[in-house]
């Protein structure tokens, strides 16, 4: 592997010390058995690269006969990426995908012109109970890929690169970093890393991607002399290399990429560069014109009646639109 060099901030150099541009405290939503912390979109910052939605799920303890039970619901013009640290979720969608999502695996669903999926706890895990902990994110698609055919890509944990050096274990979910490349075929330049750091270890963050952020899942970290605790999203100043140092043993998600080429609209589960496309999707879902999920046709989440108006994002910065019935995407 190859860590990129990351010089320490220079005393008296203001630019070297202003490494963190924005600090975001996620909004916590209690769903009963599980708490979801939503870091993106927020009032302070709505997108980082193509990432337009970032939810931390749990950690949560599910007893027997309990679990995740998200009924079929639609998406358009975006891609979802579900990544688990603990537990598992049963994913099914209208492409015919039928996949147990497990820790370390990369699960990318490109909605394109329209997809429907459900997320549930399988019967085996309901029988035993489980601890669930993970992250679900949405990425906006480039305008010329928004109406592509829907697809689901799965890469097992054994297929994704893991880089280990100097107290850091980093799994490369998407993009290129540390001399390695993820097998995930994303739609635009995207960086996504799950990194575990021993106390005192440092994770270098080079300047190869225009927009970068660090989400602290566990422990306490330091960036350019400032300390940050868990459950915080840190937007890094663009254009310079940085280093994330672990004050205690820590786990972080490093993500970002190139911003979208133009504005995006977001409403409920729909993201698009065209406002009229949001209106079309609302009508299509209300009239039952989306494909169904094989084996999971009996239920669905209806179109919300109080989700507000679509909000606009300028360039790589979106605005918030409430997600479906109190759960993540």
Protein backbone atom coordinates (compact mmCIF):
# COMPACT_ATOMS: atom_id res chain seq x y z
CA UNK A 1 0.00 0.00 0.00
CA UNK A 2 1.10 3.63 -0.21
CA UNK A 3 0.05 6.34 2.19
CA UNK A 4 0.15 9.84 0.69
CA UNK A 5 2.32 12.27 2.67
CA UNK A 6 0.42 14.78 4.79
CA UNK A 7 2.42 17.63 6.30
CA UNK A 8 1.56 18.92 9.76
CA UNK A 9 -0.06 22.39 10.03
CA UNK A 10 2.54 25.14 10.25
CA UNK A 11 2.47 27.32 13.37
CA UNK A 12 1.11 30.73 12.45
CA UNK A 13 -0.22 29.54 9.08
CA UNK A 14 -3.99 30.12 9.26
CA UNK A 15 -4.69 28.19 6.04
CA UNK A 16 -2.81 25.15 7.37
CA UNK A 17 -4.92 25.13 10.53
CA UNK A 18 -8.38 25.69 9.01
CA UNK A 19 -8.56 22.09 7.83
CA UNK A 20 -12.21 21.54 8.79
CA UNK A 21 -14.53 23.84 6.87
CA UNK A 22 -17.83 22.80 8.49
CA UNK A 23 -18.88 20.65 11.45
CA UNK A 24 -22.34 19.06 11.26
CA UNK A 25 -24.16 17.36 14.13
CA UNK A 26 -26.57 14.83 12.59
CA UNK A 27 -30.25 15.00 13.41
CA UNK A 28 -31.26 11.95 15.45
CA UNK A 29 -34.60 10.29 14.71
CA UNK A 30 -35.87 7.65 17.15
CA UNK A 31 -37.67 4.90 15.22
CA UNK A 32 -38.45 2.86 18.33
CA UNK A 33 -36.11 -0.11 18.02
CA UNK A 34 -33.41 1.95 16.26
CA UNK A 35 -32.07 5.50 16.13
CA UNK A 36 -31.11 6.96 12.74
CA UNK A 37 -28.70 9.91 12.57
CA UNK A 38 -29.00 11.95 9.37
CA UNK A 39 -25.89 13.95 8.48
CA UNK A 40 -26.84 14.86 4.90
CA UNK A 41 -28.69 16.81 3.75
CA UNK A 42 -28.42 19.50 6.42
CA UNK A 43 -28.89 23.25 6.68
CA UNK A 44 -25.12 23.75 6.78
CA UNK A 45 -24.20 21.54 3.87
CA UNK A 46 -26.42 19.49 1.60
CA UNK A 47 -24.02 17.55 -0.64
CA UNK A 48 -20.43 16.31 -0.59
CA UNK A 49 -19.34 15.25 -4.06
CA UNK A 50 -22.23 13.11 -5.36
CA UNK A 51 -23.39 12.23 -1.82
CA UNK A 52 -26.80 13.81 -1.28
CA UNK A 53 -27.97 11.67 1.67
CA UNK A 54 -26.00 10.08 4.53
CA UNK A 55 -27.68 8.13 7.35
CA UNK A 56 -26.11 6.27 10.24
CA UNK A 57 -28.32 3.33 11.24
CA UNK A 58 -27.94 2.25 14.87
CA UNK A 59 -26.13 0.67 16.56
CA UNK A 60 -29.29 -1.08 17.68
CA UNK A 61 -30.12 -4.31 19.45
CA UNK A 62 -33.06 -6.23 17.97
CA UNK A 63 -34.62 -8.90 20.14
CA UNK A 64 -36.25 -12.04 18.78
CA UNK A 65 -39.18 -11.36 16.45
CA UNK A 66 -37.92 -7.80 15.88
CA UNK A 67 -36.07 -6.24 12.99
CA UNK A 68 -36.02 -3.83 10.07
CA UNK A 69 -39.24 -3.86 8.06
CA UNK A 70 -39.13 -1.25 5.29
CA UNK A 71 -41.86 -1.90 2.74
CA UNK A 72 -41.32 -1.49 -1.02
CA UNK A 73 -40.77 2.14 -2.05
CA UNK A 74 -39.45 3.91 -5.18
CA UNK A 75 -36.34 5.87 -6.19
CA UNK A 76 -35.37 7.72 -9.37
CA UNK A 77 -32.23 9.34 -10.82
CA UNK A 78 -29.92 8.34 -7.94
CA UNK A 79 -27.93 5.40 -6.61
CA UNK A 80 -28.09 4.00 -3.08
CA UNK A 81 -25.20 2.36 -1.26
CA UNK A 82 -25.90 0.26 1.82
CA UNK A 83 -22.89 -0.64 3.96
CA UNK A 84 -23.09 -2.56 7.24
CA UNK A 85 -20.64 -2.81 10.12
CA UNK A 86 -22.75 -5.30 12.08
CA UNK A 87 -25.83 -7.41 11.42
CA UNK A 88 -27.54 -8.03 8.09
CA UNK A 89 -30.46 -6.77 5.99
CA UNK A 90 -32.44 -8.57 3.31
CA UNK A 91 -32.55 -6.45 0.15
CA UNK A 92 -34.99 -7.14 -2.71
CA UNK A 93 -35.77 -4.88 -5.64
CA UNK A 94 -37.64 -4.63 -8.93
CA UNK A 95 -34.57 -5.63 -10.96
CA UNK A 96 -34.98 -9.11 -9.42
CA UNK A 97 -32.09 -8.66 -6.97
CA UNK A 98 -32.48 -10.79 -3.84
CA UNK A 99 -29.48 -10.26 -1.57
CA UNK A 100 -28.55 -10.54 2.09
CA UNK A 101 -26.43 -7.48 2.88
CA UNK A 102 -23.69 -8.34 5.39
CA UNK A 103 -20.79 -6.46 7.03
CA UNK A 104 -18.05 -5.27 4.69
CA UNK A 105 -20.02 -6.00 1.50
CA UNK A 106 -20.72 -3.22 -0.98
CA UNK A 107 -24.30 -2.99 -2.24
CA UNK A 108 -24.97 -0.41 -4.95
CA UNK A 109 -28.48 0.04 -6.37
CA UNK A 110 -28.71 2.38 -9.36
CA UNK A 111 -32.26 3.63 -9.57
CA UNK A 112 -31.86 5.27 -12.95
CA UNK A 113 -35.27 5.79 -14.56
CA UNK A 114 -36.95 4.08 -11.60
CA UNK A 115 -36.56 1.21 -9.16
CA UNK A 116 -38.53 -0.16 -6.21
CA UNK A 117 -36.92 -1.96 -3.28
CA UNK A 118 -37.60 -3.27 0.20
CA UNK A 119 -35.32 -3.76 3.20
CA UNK A 120 -36.23 -6.27 5.87
CA UNK A 121 -34.78 -8.54 8.51
CA UNK A 122 -34.81 -12.13 7.28
CA UNK A 123 -36.66 -14.81 9.25
CA UNK A 124 -33.45 -16.48 10.49
CA UNK A 125 -32.24 -13.27 12.14
CA UNK A 126 -35.68 -12.50 13.52
CA UNK A 127 -35.58 -15.86 15.24
CA UNK A 128 -32.27 -15.12 16.98
CA UNK A 129 -32.20 -11.33 17.22
CA UNK A 130 -29.21 -9.24 16.12
CA UNK A 131 -27.20 -6.08 16.60
CA UNK A 132 -27.44 -3.79 13.56
CA UNK A 133 -25.05 -0.97 12.71
CA UNK A 134 -24.43 0.59 9.33
CA UNK A 135 -24.58 3.51 6.93
CA UNK A 136 -26.88 4.14 4.01
CA UNK A 137 -26.09 6.85 1.49
CA UNK A 138 -27.53 8.18 -1.75
CA UNK A 139 -25.46 9.49 -4.63
CA UNK A 140 -26.87 11.78 -7.30
CA UNK A 141 -26.26 10.49 -10.82
CA UNK A 142 -24.77 12.61 -13.62
CA UNK A 143 -27.48 14.12 -15.80
CA UNK A 144 -26.66 11.83 -18.73
CA UNK A 145 -27.04 8.75 -16.48
CA UNK A 146 -30.18 9.72 -14.59
CA UNK A 147 -32.52 7.79 -16.90
CA UNK A 148 -30.27 4.73 -17.26
CA UNK A 149 -31.65 1.25 -16.67
CA UNK A 150 -31.93 0.30 -12.99
CA UNK A 151 -29.32 -2.16 -11.73
CA UNK A 152 -28.03 -3.75 -8.52
CA UNK A 153 -24.34 -4.51 -7.93
CA UNK A 154 -23.05 -6.57 -5.01
CA UNK A 155 -19.40 -7.03 -4.02
CA UNK A 156 -18.76 -9.35 -1.09
CA UNK A 157 -16.38 -8.25 1.67
CA UNK A 158 -13.74 -10.58 0.23
CA UNK A 159 -13.84 -8.65 -3.07
CA UNK A 160 -13.15 -5.15 -1.72
CA UNK A 161 -9.57 -3.96 -1.09
CA UNK A 162 -8.41 -3.73 2.53
CA UNK A 163 -5.28 -1.69 3.22
CA UNK A 164 -3.43 -2.11 6.51
CA UNK A 165 -0.54 0.05 7.70
CA UNK A 166 0.69 1.78 10.84
CA UNK A 167 -2.38 1.08 12.98
CA UNK A 168 -4.94 1.76 10.24
CA UNK A 169 -7.21 -0.78 8.56
CA UNK A 170 -9.05 0.82 5.63
CA UNK A 171 -11.63 -0.84 3.39
CA UNK A 172 -12.01 0.90 0.01
CA UNK A 173 -15.72 0.90 -0.79
CA UNK A 174 -15.54 3.16 -3.86
CA UNK A 175 -12.89 5.03 -5.81
CA UNK A 176 -9.10 5.07 -5.72
CA UNK A 177 -7.02 5.63 -2.60
CA UNK A 178 -3.87 4.41 -0.88
CA UNK A 179 -2.61 2.78 -4.07
CA UNK A 180 -5.72 0.60 -4.44
CA UNK A 181 -8.94 0.71 -6.50
CA UNK A 182 -12.42 -0.44 -5.57
CA UNK A 183 -14.15 -2.83 -8.01
CA UNK A 184 -17.38 -0.82 -7.71
CA UNK A 185 -18.32 0.83 -11.00
CA UNK A 186 -19.70 4.20 -9.87
CA UNK A 187 -21.30 6.80 -12.13
CA UNK A 188 -18.96 9.73 -11.32
CA UNK A 189 -15.66 10.22 -9.44
CA UNK A 190 -16.45 9.00 -5.93
CA UNK A 191 -14.41 8.28 -2.79
CA UNK A 192 -15.73 6.08 0.01
CA UNK A 193 -13.57 4.48 2.73
CA UNK A 194 -14.33 2.66 5.99
CA UNK A 195 -11.28 3.16 8.24
CA UNK A 196 -10.50 1.76 11.68
CA UNK A 197 -7.69 3.48 13.56
CA UNK A 198 -5.77 2.37 16.62
CA UNK A 199 -5.14 5.08 19.22
CA UNK A 200 -2.39 7.35 17.90
CA UNK A 201 -2.67 6.15 14.29
CA UNK A 202 -3.16 8.58 11.39
CA UNK A 203 -5.20 8.27 8.21
CA UNK A 204 -3.88 10.47 5.38
CA UNK A 205 -6.45 12.20 3.17
CA UNK A 206 -4.92 13.45 -0.07
CA UNK A 207 -6.31 16.18 -2.29
CA UNK A 208 -7.18 13.94 -5.24
CA UNK A 209 -10.94 14.47 -4.84
CA UNK A 210 -12.40 17.97 -4.85
CA UNK A 211 -14.88 17.48 -1.99
CA UNK A 212 -14.14 15.31 1.05
CA UNK A 213 -15.78 14.66 4.40
CA UNK A 214 -15.10 12.54 7.48
CA UNK A 215 -17.91 11.01 9.54
CA UNK A 216 -16.91 9.83 13.03
CA UNK A 217 -18.65 6.56 13.82
CA UNK A 218 -16.71 5.60 16.94
CA UNK A 219 -14.07 7.09 19.19
CA UNK A 220 -12.41 10.51 19.12
CA UNK A 221 -10.21 11.96 16.39
CA UNK A 222 -8.03 15.00 15.80
CA UNK A 223 -7.60 17.05 12.62
CA UNK A 224 -5.06 19.89 12.58
CA UNK A 225 -5.11 20.13 16.36
CA UNK A 226 -8.91 20.17 16.79
CA UNK A 227 -10.63 17.20 18.43
CA UNK A 228 -13.94 15.72 17.35
CA UNK A 229 -16.11 13.09 19.02
CA UNK A 230 -18.36 10.44 17.49
CA UNK A 231 -21.53 11.25 15.53
CA UNK A 232 -20.09 14.31 13.78
CA UNK A 233 -19.66 15.05 10.08
CA UNK A 234 -16.57 17.09 9.23
CA UNK A 235 -16.33 18.80 5.85
CA UNK A 236 -12.66 19.19 4.92
CA UNK A 237 -11.24 22.28 3.27
CA UNK A 238 -10.69 21.49 -0.42
CA UNK A 239 -7.42 21.55 -2.27
CA UNK A 240 -5.05 20.40 0.47
CA UNK A 241 -3.96 17.08 2.01
CA UNK A 242 -5.07 16.43 5.59
CA UNK A 243 -4.56 13.80 8.27
CA UNK A 244 -7.13 12.20 10.59
CA UNK A 245 -5.44 11.15 13.83
CA UNK A 246 -7.05 8.86 16.39
CA UNK A 247 -7.05 10.20 19.95
CA UNK A 248 -8.68 6.95 21.04
CA UNK A 249 -9.37 3.87 18.96
CA UNK A 250 -11.73 5.20 16.30
CA UNK A 251 -13.73 4.32 13.21
CA UNK A 252 -14.50 6.85 10.49
CA UNK A 253 -16.11 6.97 7.07
CA UNK A 254 -14.16 9.07 4.57
CA UNK A 255 -16.23 10.05 1.55
CA UNK A 256 -16.65 12.59 -1.24
CA UNK A 257 -15.81 13.05 -4.89
CA UNK A 258 -16.48 15.51 -7.67
CA UNK A 259 -19.60 17.72 -7.36
CA UNK A 260 -22.45 17.32 -9.79
CA UNK A 261 -22.38 19.34 -13.01
CA UNK A 262 -25.55 21.24 -12.16
CA UNK A 263 -28.50 21.69 -9.77
CA UNK A 264 -30.44 18.82 -8.23
CA UNK A 265 -33.95 18.63 -6.84
CA UNK A 266 -34.84 16.32 -3.96
CA UNK A 267 -38.27 15.28 -2.70
CA UNK A 268 -39.07 12.19 -0.58
CA UNK A 269 -37.13 9.33 -2.27
CA UNK A 270 -36.67 11.16 -5.56
CA UNK A 271 -33.58 13.07 -6.74
CA UNK A 272 -33.31 14.64 -10.20
CA UNK A 273 -31.73 17.46 -12.16
CA UNK A 274 -35.21 18.22 -13.57
CA UNK A 275 -38.07 19.46 -11.42
CA UNK A 276 -40.64 18.11 -13.86
CA UNK A 277 -39.13 14.63 -13.44
CA UNK A 278 -39.94 14.76 -9.72
CA UNK A 279 -43.56 15.57 -10.55
CA UNK A 280 -43.68 12.69 -13.06
CA UNK A 281 -42.31 10.24 -10.49
CA UNK A 282 -44.90 11.30 -7.91
CA UNK A 283 -47.66 10.67 -10.44
CA UNK A 284 -46.18 7.33 -11.51
CA UNK A 285 -45.93 6.02 -7.94
CA UNK A 286 -49.42 7.26 -7.01
CA UNK A 287 -50.87 5.45 -10.04
CA UNK A 288 -48.92 2.22 -9.53
CA UNK A 289 -46.80 2.55 -12.67
CA UNK A 290 -43.48 1.45 -11.13
CA UNK A 291 -42.34 -2.16 -11.37
CA UNK A 292 -42.97 -4.36 -8.33
CA UNK A 293 -40.50 -6.29 -6.18
CA UNK A 294 -40.67 -10.02 -6.99
CA UNK A 295 -41.78 -11.89 -3.88
CA UNK A 296 -42.67 -8.68 -2.03
CA UNK A 297 -45.69 -7.37 -3.94
CA UNK A 298 -48.26 -7.32 -1.14
CA UNK A 299 -47.15 -4.11 0.60
CA UNK A 300 -45.83 -0.69 -0.34
CA UNK A 301 -45.23 2.75 1.17
CA UNK A 302 -47.81 5.20 -0.23
CA UNK A 303 -46.88 8.60 -1.60
CA UNK A 304 -46.67 10.99 1.38
CA UNK A 305 -49.18 13.80 1.43
CA UNK A 306 -47.22 16.15 3.71
CA UNK A 307 -43.64 15.94 2.49
CA UNK A 308 -43.44 19.58 1.41
CA UNK A 309 -42.31 20.92 -1.94
CA UNK A 310 -39.21 19.76 -3.83
CA UNK A 311 -36.10 21.70 -2.88
CA UNK A 312 -33.38 22.78 -5.26
CA UNK A 313 -29.65 22.21 -5.04
CA UNK A 314 -27.30 24.57 -6.84
CA UNK A 315 -24.22 22.90 -8.32
CA UNK A 316 -23.02 20.30 -5.85
CA UNK A 317 -25.15 21.58 -2.97
CA UNK A 318 -28.66 20.25 -2.57
CA UNK A 319 -31.52 21.17 -0.27
CA UNK A 320 -33.35 18.97 2.14
CA UNK A 321 -36.47 17.01 1.24
CA UNK A 322 -38.00 14.77 3.91
CA UNK A 323 -37.53 11.07 3.36
CA UNK A 324 -40.22 8.45 3.52
CA UNK A 325 -42.11 7.69 6.73
CA UNK A 326 -39.35 8.20 9.24
CA UNK A 327 -36.80 5.70 7.98
CA UNK A 328 -33.67 5.68 5.88
CA UNK A 329 -33.48 5.08 2.13
